[in-house]
Amino acid sequence: MNLASFRKSMGVSQEWLANKMDLTQVTISRYEQGIHKPSLSFYYHLAYIFRHTTKELADKLDGEFVPRD
């Protein structure tokens, strides 16, 4: 599952997630398209929002959990 599939499986829009993450919808879109890589803190925050551990999130994202340096 990639980031877009995960988000959709949680039933939320890019706009909703962007608001929760204090980002723009365009930024979420770029992460989902692979144009930009999110930071590690993005993944921690994503796990927190969806009440997952970072391990659970990493398992669901099938190796996409590779933050930028």
Protein backbone atom coordinates (compact mmCIF):
# COMPACT_ATOMS: atom_id res chain seq x y z
CA MET A 1 0.00 0.00 0.00
CA ASN A 2 1.33 3.43 -0.84
CA LEU A 3 0.66 6.69 0.94
CA ALA A 4 -2.33 7.57 -1.27
CA SER A 5 -3.89 4.12 -0.79
CA PHE A 6 -3.34 4.32 2.95
CA ARG A 7 -4.96 7.75 3.14
CA LYS A 8 -7.94 6.59 1.08
CA SER A 9 -8.31 3.44 3.19
CA MET A 10 -8.61 5.71 6.22
CA GLY A 11 -11.40 7.57 4.43
CA VAL A 12 -9.85 11.02 4.33
CA SER A 13 -9.10 13.54 1.61
CA GLN A 14 -5.77 15.14 0.81
CA GLU A 15 -7.21 18.41 2.05
CA TRP A 16 -8.26 16.91 5.40
CA LEU A 17 -4.86 15.32 5.92
CA ALA A 18 -3.07 18.51 4.90
CA ASN A 19 -5.06 20.48 7.48
CA LYS A 20 -4.27 17.96 10.22
CA MET A 21 -0.58 17.95 9.29
CA ASP A 22 -0.38 21.76 8.92
CA LEU A 23 0.66 21.34 5.27
CA THR A 24 -0.91 22.24 1.94
CA GLN A 25 -2.93 19.85 -0.19
CA VAL A 26 -0.30 20.32 -2.90
CA THR A 27 2.41 19.05 -0.53
CA ILE A 28 0.38 15.92 0.28
CA SER A 29 -0.18 15.37 -3.43
CA ARG A 30 3.54 15.67 -4.15
CA TYR A 31 4.33 13.16 -1.39
CA GLU A 32 1.78 10.74 -2.81
CA GLN A 33 3.14 11.12 -6.34
CA GLY A 34 6.72 10.63 -5.17
CA ILE A 35 7.76 14.07 -6.36
CA HIS A 36 8.99 14.89 -2.85
CA LYS A 37 9.88 12.68 0.10
CA PRO A 38 8.36 13.54 3.47
CA SER A 39 10.48 13.97 6.58
CA LEU A 40 10.60 11.43 9.37
CA SER A 41 8.49 13.75 11.52
CA PHE A 42 5.76 13.54 8.84
CA TYR A 43 5.55 9.78 9.36
CA TYR A 44 5.49 10.12 13.14
CA HIS A 45 2.68 12.66 12.88
CA LEU A 46 0.81 10.49 10.35
CA ALA A 47 1.03 7.51 12.70
CA TYR A 48 -0.22 9.64 15.59
CA ILE A 49 -3.18 11.04 13.64
CA PHE A 50 -4.34 7.59 12.59
CA ARG A 51 -3.54 5.95 15.94
CA HIS A 52 -0.96 3.56 14.55
CA THR A 53 2.50 2.80 15.82
CA THR A 54 5.28 3.79 13.46
CA LYS A 55 5.94 0.05 12.97
CA GLU A 56 2.32 -0.55 11.95
CA LEU A 57 2.49 2.39 9.56
CA ALA A 58 5.78 1.18 8.06
CA ASP A 59 4.30 -2.29 7.55
CA LYS A 60 1.25 -0.83 5.80
CA LEU A 61 3.33 1.42 3.56
CA ASP A 62 5.36 -1.53 2.22
CA GLY A 63 8.77 0.11 2.24
CA GLU A 64 7.53 3.55 1.24
CA PHE A 65 8.46 4.58 4.78
CA VAL A 66 11.82 5.94 3.65
CA PRO A 67 12.03 9.55 4.78
CA ARG A 68 14.38 12.10 3.32
CA ASP A 69 17.55 12.85 5.27
